């Protein structure tokens, strides 16, 4: 009986506790270091709690911004056999209204592929790759978005045959990833994975790239 009485008391006090915690958080004009310091319907902007409408009008989160960044990822590919590698890339573009995006990405022969079936018989292959994509960052909350991109480009495998680069065309699709706006100027993104279909001398190569990227918003 005592246990039931204690449980009933806890349930009765729970709404009061929640209201007390909400009241303890800052209201409009209050000081803050993060959104969690403000009441639920408010935003933290320049160390001050403000309402959502004021936040959107004052901040540049939803304005058009140019960006430039770098990325690092792991690659798994399948053509005649399996290959794996490491990719480093640079990218630049324009973010329209905080969501729509045009992006140019280049991996200037910094992607290295290793044949998984006969690694001793084939040295690492360097890959030059460039692609133009259009995309949209679908809002999950104020600072996190789901990434959707589609595009195409091309490049070349270097070193498969001495002195003979092997060119390819490429289609690209990003549908599993998130972008996190960590500050006014930094956008961090994760793709798990970015999917590519390569046409290498009429031979299809499938490639999946899991990467993390850091973009500076000007």
C-alpha atoms as a PDB file:
ATOM      1  CA  UNK A   1       0.000   0.000   0.000  1.00  0.00           C
ATOM      2  CA  UNK A   2       2.808   2.374   0.841  1.00  0.00           C
ATOM      3  CA  UNK A   3       4.395   1.695  -2.584  1.00  0.00           C
ATOM      4  CA  UNK A   4       1.098   2.476  -4.321  1.00  0.00           C
ATOM      5  CA  UNK A   5       0.719   5.657  -2.326  1.00  0.00           C
ATOM      6  CA  UNK A   6       4.241   6.775  -3.203  1.00  0.00           C
ATOM      7  CA  UNK A   7       3.670   6.051  -6.902  1.00  0.00           C
ATOM      8  CA  UNK A   8       0.438   8.061  -6.845  1.00  0.00           C
ATOM      9  CA  UNK A   9       2.278  10.971  -5.208  1.00  0.00           C
ATOM     10  CA  UNK A  10       5.004  10.886  -7.878  1.00  0.00           C
ATOM     11  CA  UNK A  11       2.401  10.899 -10.664  1.00  0.00           C
ATOM     12  CA  UNK A  12       0.567  13.775  -9.037  1.00  0.00           C
ATOM     13  CA  UNK A  13       3.717  15.858  -8.692  1.00  0.00           C
ATOM     14  CA  UNK A  14       5.080  15.123 -12.206  1.00  0.00           C
ATOM     15  CA  UNK A  15       3.135  17.914 -13.993  1.00  0.00           C
ATOM     16  CA  UNK A  16       4.169  20.387 -11.298  1.00  0.00           C
ATOM     17  CA  UNK A  17       7.804  19.366 -11.709  1.00  0.00           C
ATOM     18  CA  UNK A  18       7.639  19.748 -15.506  1.00  0.00           C
ATOM     19  CA  UNK A  19       6.070  23.195 -15.165  1.00  0.00           C
ATOM     20  CA  UNK A  20       8.734  24.201 -12.656  1.00  0.00           C
ATOM     21  CA  UNK A  21      11.498  23.100 -15.020  1.00  0.00           C
ATOM     22  CA  UNK A  22       9.901  25.011 -17.889  1.00  0.00           C
ATOM     23  CA  UNK A  23       9.566  28.124 -15.704  1.00  0.00           C
ATOM     24  CA  UNK A  24      13.209  27.799 -14.653  1.00  0.00           C
ATOM     25  CA  UNK A  25      14.302  28.128 -18.273  1.00  0.00           C
ATOM     26  CA  UNK A  26      14.723  31.630 -19.665  1.00  0.00           C
ATOM     27  CA  UNK A  27      11.857  33.489 -21.308  1.00  0.00           C
ATOM     28  CA  UNK A  28      11.949  36.130 -24.038  1.00  0.00           C
ATOM     29  CA  UNK A  29      14.981  38.371 -23.524  1.00  0.00           C
ATOM     30  CA  UNK A  30      16.622  35.957 -21.079  1.00  0.00           C
ATOM     31  CA  UNK A  31      20.267  34.944 -21.305  1.00  0.00           C
ATOM     32  CA  UNK A  32      21.162  31.632 -22.967  1.00  0.00           C
ATOM     33  CA  UNK A  33      24.088  29.623 -24.236  1.00  0.00           C
ATOM     34  CA  UNK A  34      22.045  27.071 -26.174  1.00  0.00           C
ATOM     35  CA  UNK A  35      18.432  26.500 -27.203  1.00  0.00           C
ATOM     36  CA  UNK A  36      17.924  24.171 -24.215  1.00  0.00           C
ATOM     37  CA  UNK A  37      18.374  27.196 -21.924  1.00  0.00           C
ATOM     38  CA  UNK A  38      15.224  28.784 -23.362  1.00  0.00           C
ATOM     39  CA  UNK A  39      11.592  27.771 -22.973  1.00  0.00           C
ATOM     40  CA  UNK A  40      10.242  25.311 -25.555  1.00  0.00           C
ATOM     41  CA  UNK A  41       8.768  27.835 -27.985  1.00  0.00           C
ATOM     42  CA  UNK A  42      11.838  30.109 -27.988  1.00  0.00           C
ATOM     43  CA  UNK A  43      15.206  30.118 -29.768  1.00  0.00           C
ATOM     44  CA  UNK A  44      18.682  31.121 -28.565  1.00  0.00           C
ATOM     45  CA  UNK A  45      20.220  33.828 -30.769  1.00  0.00           C
ATOM     46  CA  UNK A  46      23.397  35.694 -29.803  1.00  0.00           C
ATOM     47  CA  UNK A  47      23.050  34.612 -26.158  1.00  0.00           C
ATOM     48  CA  UNK A  48      19.442  35.841 -25.901  1.00  0.00           C
ATOM     49  CA  UNK A  49      16.138  33.945 -25.970  1.00  0.00           C
ATOM     50  CA  UNK A  50      13.809  35.188 -28.701  1.00  0.00           C
ATOM     51  CA  UNK A  51      10.627  33.904 -30.356  1.00  0.00           C
ATOM     52  CA  UNK A  52      10.789  31.850 -33.547  1.00  0.00           C
ATOM     53  CA  UNK A  53       9.546  34.597 -35.874  1.00  0.00           C
ATOM     54  CA  UNK A  54      12.157  37.044 -34.598  1.00  0.00           C
ATOM     55  CA  UNK A  55      14.828  34.343 -34.838  1.00  0.00           C
ATOM     56  CA  UNK A  56      14.043  33.659 -38.503  1.00  0.00           C
ATOM     57  CA  UNK A  57      13.982  37.355 -39.379  1.00  0.00           C
ATOM     58  CA  UNK A  58      17.256  38.185 -37.610  1.00  0.00           C
ATOM     59  CA  UNK A  59      19.371  35.152 -38.453  1.00  0.00           C
ATOM     60  CA  UNK A  60      20.867  34.250 -41.821  1.00  0.00           C
ATOM     61  CA  UNK A  61      19.984  30.554 -41.441  1.00  0.00           C
ATOM     62  CA  UNK A  62      17.358  30.796 -44.164  1.00  0.00           C
ATOM     63  CA  UNK A  63      19.190  33.246 -46.434  1.00  0.00           C
ATOM     64  CA  UNK A  64      21.224  32.410 -49.542  1.00  0.00           C
ATOM     65  CA  UNK A  65      24.795  31.482 -48.585  1.00  0.00           C
ATOM     66  CA  UNK A  66      27.895  30.455 -50.494  1.00  0.00           C
ATOM     67  CA  UNK A  67      29.881  27.604 -49.003  1.00  0.00           C
ATOM     68  CA  UNK A  68      33.168  25.757 -49.358  1.00  0.00           C
ATOM     69  CA  UNK A  69      34.323  22.635 -47.570  1.00  0.00           C
ATOM     70  CA  UNK A  70      36.243  19.394 -47.398  1.00  0.00           C
ATOM     71  CA  UNK A  71      35.268  15.785 -46.835  1.00  0.00           C
ATOM     72  CA  UNK A  72      36.749  12.421 -45.970  1.00  0.00           C
ATOM     73  CA  UNK A  73      35.174   9.044 -46.555  1.00  0.00           C
ATOM     74  CA  UNK A  74      35.515   5.332 -47.109  1.00  0.00           C
ATOM     75  CA  UNK A  75      34.678   3.735 -50.480  1.00  0.00           C
ATOM     76  CA  UNK A  76      33.386   0.267 -51.397  1.00  0.00           C
ATOM     77  CA  UNK A  77      33.119  -0.522 -55.112  1.00  0.00           C
ATOM     78  CA  UNK A  78      32.088  -3.478 -57.251  1.00  0.00           C
ATOM     79  CA  UNK A  79      32.921  -3.998 -60.938  1.00  0.00           C
ATOM     80  CA  UNK A  80      34.826  -7.077 -62.044  1.00  0.00           C
ATOM     81  CA  UNK A  81      35.566  -7.601 -58.366  1.00  0.00           C
ATOM     82  CA  UNK A  82      35.417  -5.814 -55.061  1.00  0.00           C
ATOM     83  CA  UNK A  83      37.592  -2.837 -54.219  1.00  0.00           C
ATOM     84  CA  UNK A  84      37.802  -0.532 -51.229  1.00  0.00           C
ATOM     85  CA  UNK A  85      39.444   2.802 -50.704  1.00  0.00           C
ATOM     86  CA  UNK A  86      39.700   6.155 -49.031  1.00  0.00           C
ATOM     87  CA  UNK A  87      38.328   9.345 -50.561  1.00  0.00           C
ATOM     88  CA  UNK A  88      39.204  12.958 -49.885  1.00  0.00           C
ATOM     89  CA  UNK A  89      37.236  15.667 -51.624  1.00  0.00           C
ATOM     90  CA  UNK A  90      36.691  19.407 -51.769  1.00  0.00           C
ATOM     91  CA  UNK A  91      33.344  21.003 -52.548  1.00  0.00           C
ATOM     92  CA  UNK A  92      31.797  24.406 -53.084  1.00  0.00           C
ATOM     93  CA  UNK A  93      28.362  25.712 -53.939  1.00  0.00           C
ATOM     94  CA  UNK A  94      25.352  27.807 -53.061  1.00  0.00           C
ATOM     95  CA  UNK A  95      22.684  27.123 -50.422  1.00  0.00           C
ATOM     96  CA  UNK A  96      19.424  28.882 -51.337  1.00  0.00           C
ATOM     97  CA  UNK A  97      17.080  29.805 -48.499  1.00  0.00           C
ATOM     98  CA  UNK A  98      18.873  27.444 -46.149  1.00  0.00           C
ATOM     99  CA  UNK A  99      17.636  24.335 -47.987  1.00  0.00           C
ATOM    100  CA  UNK A 100      17.993  24.145 -51.804  1.00  0.00           C
ATOM    101  CA  UNK A 101      21.546  23.500 -52.941  1.00  0.00           C
ATOM    102  CA  UNK A 102      23.813  23.469 -55.991  1.00  0.00           C
ATOM    103  CA  UNK A 103      27.190  21.845 -55.336  1.00  0.00           C
ATOM    104  CA  UNK A 104      30.392  21.084 -57.235  1.00  0.00           C
ATOM    105  CA  UNK A 105      32.540  18.336 -55.726  1.00  0.00           C
ATOM    106  CA  UNK A 106      36.053  17.423 -56.841  1.00  0.00           C
ATOM    107  CA  UNK A 107      38.356  14.638 -55.713  1.00  0.00           C
ATOM    108  CA  UNK A 108      41.638  15.659 -57.408  1.00  0.00           C
ATOM    109  CA  UNK A 109      43.271  12.217 -57.665  1.00  0.00           C
ATOM    110  CA  UNK A 110      43.125  11.941 -53.872  1.00  0.00           C
ATOM    111  CA  UNK A 111      40.867   8.873 -53.883  1.00  0.00           C
ATOM    112  CA  UNK A 112      42.835   5.614 -53.589  1.00  0.00           C
ATOM    113  CA  UNK A 113      41.272   2.239 -54.467  1.00  0.00           C
ATOM    114  CA  UNK A 114      42.644  -1.150 -53.401  1.00  0.00           C
ATOM    115  CA  UNK A 115      41.625  -4.393 -55.107  1.00  0.00           C
ATOM    116  CA  UNK A 116      40.295  -6.698 -52.383  1.00  0.00           C
ATOM    117  CA  UNK A 117      40.665  -9.942 -54.359  1.00  0.00           C
ATOM    118  CA  UNK A 118      44.230  -9.585 -55.671  1.00  0.00           C
ATOM    119  CA  UNK A 119      45.844  -6.786 -53.651  1.00  0.00           C
ATOM    120  CA  UNK A 120      49.370  -8.117 -54.223  1.00  0.00           C
ATOM    121  CA  UNK A 121      48.993  -8.167 -58.026  1.00  0.00           C
ATOM    122  CA  UNK A 122      47.561  -4.663 -58.459  1.00  0.00           C
ATOM    123  CA  UNK A 123      48.921  -1.484 -56.890  1.00  0.00           C
ATOM    124  CA  UNK A 124      46.528   1.144 -55.455  1.00  0.00           C
ATOM    125  CA  UNK A 125      44.608   3.048 -58.125  1.00  0.00           C
ATOM    126  CA  UNK A 126      44.215   6.812 -57.858  1.00  0.00           C
ATOM    127  CA  UNK A 127      40.884   8.272 -58.985  1.00  0.00           C
ATOM    128  CA  UNK A 128      40.151  11.772 -60.260  1.00  0.00           C
ATOM    129  CA  UNK A 129      36.459  12.553 -59.852  1.00  0.00           C
ATOM    130  CA  UNK A 130      34.231  15.592 -60.339  1.00  0.00           C
ATOM    131  CA  UNK A 131      30.442  15.904 -60.076  1.00  0.00           C
ATOM    132  CA  UNK A 132      27.774  18.591 -60.073  1.00  0.00           C
ATOM    133  CA  UNK A 133      24.680  17.952 -57.951  1.00  0.00           C
ATOM    134  CA  UNK A 134      21.433  19.651 -57.039  1.00  0.00           C
ATOM    135  CA  UNK A 135      19.840  18.870 -53.715  1.00  0.00           C
ATOM    136  CA  UNK A 136      17.507  19.784 -50.924  1.00  0.00           C
ATOM    137  CA  UNK A 137      18.015  19.696 -47.161  1.00  0.00           C
ATOM    138  CA  UNK A 138      14.684  18.544 -45.730  1.00  0.00           C
ATOM    139  CA  UNK A 139      14.250  20.091 -42.247  1.00  0.00           C
ATOM    140  CA  UNK A 140      14.042  17.662 -39.321  1.00  0.00           C
ATOM    141  CA  UNK A 141      14.304  20.436 -36.741  1.00  0.00           C
ATOM    142  CA  UNK A 142      15.764  23.946 -36.645  1.00  0.00           C
ATOM    143  CA  UNK A 143      19.354  22.743 -37.032  1.00  0.00           C
ATOM    144  CA  UNK A 144      19.197  19.254 -38.574  1.00  0.00           C
ATOM    145  CA  UNK A 145      18.164  18.287 -42.113  1.00  0.00           C
ATOM    146  CA  UNK A 146      17.805  15.117 -44.178  1.00  0.00           C
ATOM    147  CA  UNK A 147      19.995  15.204 -47.313  1.00  0.00           C
ATOM    148  CA  UNK A 148      18.653  14.456 -50.804  1.00  0.00           C
ATOM    149  CA  UNK A 149      20.912  15.038 -53.828  1.00  0.00           C
ATOM    150  CA  UNK A 150      21.119  13.900 -57.436  1.00  0.00           C
ATOM    151  CA  UNK A 151      23.687  14.709 -60.071  1.00  0.00           C
ATOM    152  CA  UNK A 152      26.378  13.502 -62.392  1.00  0.00           C
ATOM    153  CA  UNK A 153      29.905  13.994 -63.554  1.00  0.00           C
ATOM    154  CA  UNK A 154      32.943  12.020 -64.529  1.00  0.00           C
ATOM    155  CA  UNK A 155      36.596  11.345 -63.990  1.00  0.00           C
ATOM    156  CA  UNK A 156      39.319   8.830 -64.613  1.00  0.00           C
ATOM    157  CA  UNK A 157      41.060   5.898 -62.974  1.00  0.00           C
ATOM    158  CA  UNK A 158      44.795   6.511 -63.002  1.00  0.00           C
ATOM    159  CA  UNK A 159      47.359   3.750 -62.870  1.00  0.00           C
ATOM    160  CA  UNK A 160      45.280   0.742 -63.964  1.00  0.00           C
ATOM    161  CA  UNK A 161      47.477   0.583 -67.037  1.00  0.00           C
ATOM    162  CA  UNK A 162      50.771   2.510 -67.001  1.00  0.00           C
ATOM    163  CA  UNK A 163      50.333   5.845 -68.738  1.00  0.00           C
ATOM    164  CA  UNK A 164      46.708   5.147 -69.741  1.00  0.00           C
ATOM    165  CA  UNK A 165      44.004   6.876 -67.659  1.00  0.00           C
ATOM    166  CA  UNK A 166      40.654   5.090 -67.892  1.00  0.00           C
ATOM    167  CA  UNK A 167      37.832   7.674 -68.101  1.00  0.00           C
ATOM    168  CA  UNK A 168      34.320   7.171 -66.754  1.00  0.00           C
ATOM    169  CA  UNK A 169      30.955   8.878 -66.534  1.00  0.00           C
ATOM    170  CA  UNK A 170      29.072   8.983 -63.261  1.00  0.00           C
ATOM    171  CA  UNK A 171      25.553   9.262 -61.845  1.00  0.00           C
ATOM    172  CA  UNK A 172      25.215  10.137 -58.167  1.00  0.00           C
ATOM    173  CA  UNK A 173      22.408   9.829 -55.610  1.00  0.00           C
ATOM    174  CA  UNK A 174      22.416  10.847 -51.938  1.00  0.00           C
ATOM    175  CA  UNK A 175      19.308   9.817 -49.995  1.00  0.00           C
ATOM    176  CA  UNK A 176      20.650   8.566 -46.654  1.00  0.00           C
ATOM    177  CA  UNK A 177      22.380  11.328 -44.743  1.00  0.00           C
ATOM    178  CA  UNK A 178      21.963  14.239 -42.384  1.00  0.00           C
ATOM    179  CA  UNK A 179      23.287  17.792 -42.272  1.00  0.00           C
ATOM    180  CA  UNK A 180      23.716  19.548 -38.929  1.00  0.00           C
ATOM    181  CA  UNK A 181      24.013  23.336 -38.655  1.00  0.00           C
ATOM    182  CA  UNK A 182      26.321  23.566 -35.647  1.00  0.00           C
ATOM    183  CA  UNK A 183      26.752  27.348 -35.836  1.00  0.00           C
ATOM    184  CA  UNK A 184      26.089  30.361 -38.021  1.00  0.00           C
ATOM    185  CA  UNK A 185      28.983  29.435 -40.325  1.00  0.00           C
ATOM    186  CA  UNK A 186      29.512  25.672 -39.993  1.00  0.00           C
ATOM    187  CA  UNK A 187      27.462  22.906 -41.618  1.00  0.00           C
ATOM    188  CA  UNK A 188      28.516  19.313 -40.883  1.00  0.00           C
ATOM    189  CA  UNK A 189      27.114  16.489 -42.988  1.00  0.00           C
ATOM    190  CA  UNK A 190      27.138  12.695 -42.851  1.00  0.00           C
ATOM    191  CA  UNK A 191      26.306  10.420 -45.813  1.00  0.00           C
ATOM    192  CA  UNK A 192      25.778   6.703 -45.159  1.00  0.00           C
ATOM    193  CA  UNK A 193      26.260   6.122 -48.004  1.00  0.00           C
ATOM    194  CA  UNK A 194      26.421   8.328 -51.081  1.00  0.00           C
ATOM    195  CA  UNK A 195      25.653   6.080 -54.072  1.00  0.00           C
ATOM    196  CA  UNK A 196      27.427   6.295 -57.451  1.00  0.00           C
ATOM    197  CA  UNK A 197      27.029   4.392 -60.723  1.00  0.00           C
ATOM    198  CA  UNK A 198      30.084   4.596 -62.992  1.00  0.00           C
ATOM    199  CA  UNK A 199      30.269   3.760 -66.700  1.00  0.00           C
ATOM    200  CA  UNK A 200      33.863   2.639 -67.293  1.00  0.00           C
ATOM    201  CA  UNK A 201      34.424   1.636 -70.937  1.00  0.00           C
ATOM    202  CA  UNK A 202      30.836   0.304 -71.167  1.00  0.00           C
ATOM    203  CA  UNK A 203      31.311  -1.573 -67.892  1.00  0.00           C
ATOM    204  CA  UNK A 204      29.177  -0.646 -64.880  1.00  0.00           C
ATOM    205  CA  UNK A 205      30.901  -0.052 -61.556  1.00  0.00           C
ATOM    206  CA  UNK A 206      28.787   0.446 -58.420  1.00  0.00           C
ATOM    207  CA  UNK A 207      30.268   2.566 -55.663  1.00  0.00           C
ATOM    208  CA  UNK A 208      29.130   3.455 -52.160  1.00  0.00           C
ATOM    209  CA  UNK A 209      30.866   6.238 -50.230  1.00  0.00           C
ATOM    210  CA  UNK A 210      30.334   6.822 -46.525  1.00  0.00           C
ATOM    211  CA  UNK A 211      31.741  10.211 -45.633  1.00  0.00           C
ATOM    212  CA  UNK A 212      31.724  13.197 -43.339  1.00  0.00           C
ATOM    213  CA  UNK A 213      32.016  16.738 -44.658  1.00  0.00           C
ATOM    214  CA  UNK A 214      32.621  20.154 -43.152  1.00  0.00           C
ATOM    215  CA  UNK A 215      31.307  23.245 -44.955  1.00  0.00           C
ATOM    216  CA  UNK A 216      32.028  26.877 -44.133  1.00  0.00           C
ATOM    217  CA  UNK A 217      29.090  29.177 -44.928  1.00  0.00           C
ATOM    218  CA  UNK A 218      30.088  32.667 -46.024  1.00  0.00           C
END
